[in-house]
């Protein structure tokens, strides 16, 4: 058999092996259904979980909830951005990890318009309040029951979805804490209607965060921008204190192109300062003040992230300066206070005590780590070594 023939047989067999390989799919979410008594219909929603959600030792973690209107249009792009911005790729952790839920449309004109629109032909508009009741009384309770959600909830909407998000923001009561309204369609809110809605706003509204994006509509741009600016400035003037909101104009984006970039800008603005580098933390007071500012802006208690505090603690612990080594203990203790179900937090605390020569407390910390995770071999070995050295 010739050498060329052997090579041909080898090449063809390789092709067969490639064809025989199993093709695996990459999943970014799961599909669910819920029957809504509020809407008298079944509704579909998609869920994307953070990368850490199913990791070993993460069962204590709870996550903010991000709900997307027009979910079929925005689910793929926004889940990608959220995951990239929160999971630490290239050191990029500028927002918390989140559970992203995308609502699929049935009748968006009906669901996203809070007021009945009078037209020559009959239409289905004006069901916005009922749709919000579906979100708050049916969907969110189901999500809270089935996932490890915390109480911070963000609503994202574009166009008519942005109209509904703005309406929900201005209500006296809502389960949502923050809103990203992208180029909301205020065409049905004439000056009189907008003034009526502004007059009804209470101080409760200003306990929430609003990011309002407006796009370039070309020849119709002035009217579009004017509506957004008028609402924003009116809300600002009524704010009893510092106005927790931002209006941003995207001159180079149109109504259809603006959602992804506006979401990125909006979520970054909302969590401004969350992604501070461990290298920039010089003291406990600085760290606490950083996250107090974020908590005040968002009217919610955001603890310094566990991974960040752990990294800062090890930075001080590895110092040759005894005073800085002692400072490390403060950071590890903070993590055990904020994340008392984290076995890793207590394992790190054990290492700090061990480095500082406090054997008894090191053993206690390692034991607590082992109690939280009986399979944690590092803590088990450390306890054996430290007990044997006494």
Foldseek 3Di string as FASTA:
>chain_A
DDPVVVVVVVVVVVVVVVVPDDDDDDDQWDKDWDQFPLVRGIWIKIKGFAPCQPPPLCVLDAFEEEEEECQVVPVPLVSVVLNVQCVQDVHRHLDHRHMYMYTHDDDLQCQLACCDDDDPDDDNHNNPVSNLCCVQVPVVVVCVVVGRHDQEYEYEAAASGLSSQVLQLQDLDHSHAEYERELYNCVVCDPVNLVVSLVPGDQSSQLHAYEYEHEAPDPCRVVSVVVVVVNVVSNCVPHPDHRLYYYYYDDPDHRVRPVSVSVSVVSSSLSPQLSDALVPDDAPVVQVVSQVVSCRSRVHRDHNDLVSLLVNLVVQCPDPDPVSLVRSLVSLVSSCVVRVLRLVSLQSNLVSCVSVPNLVSSLVSLVSSCVSPVVPVVSVVSNVVSVVVD
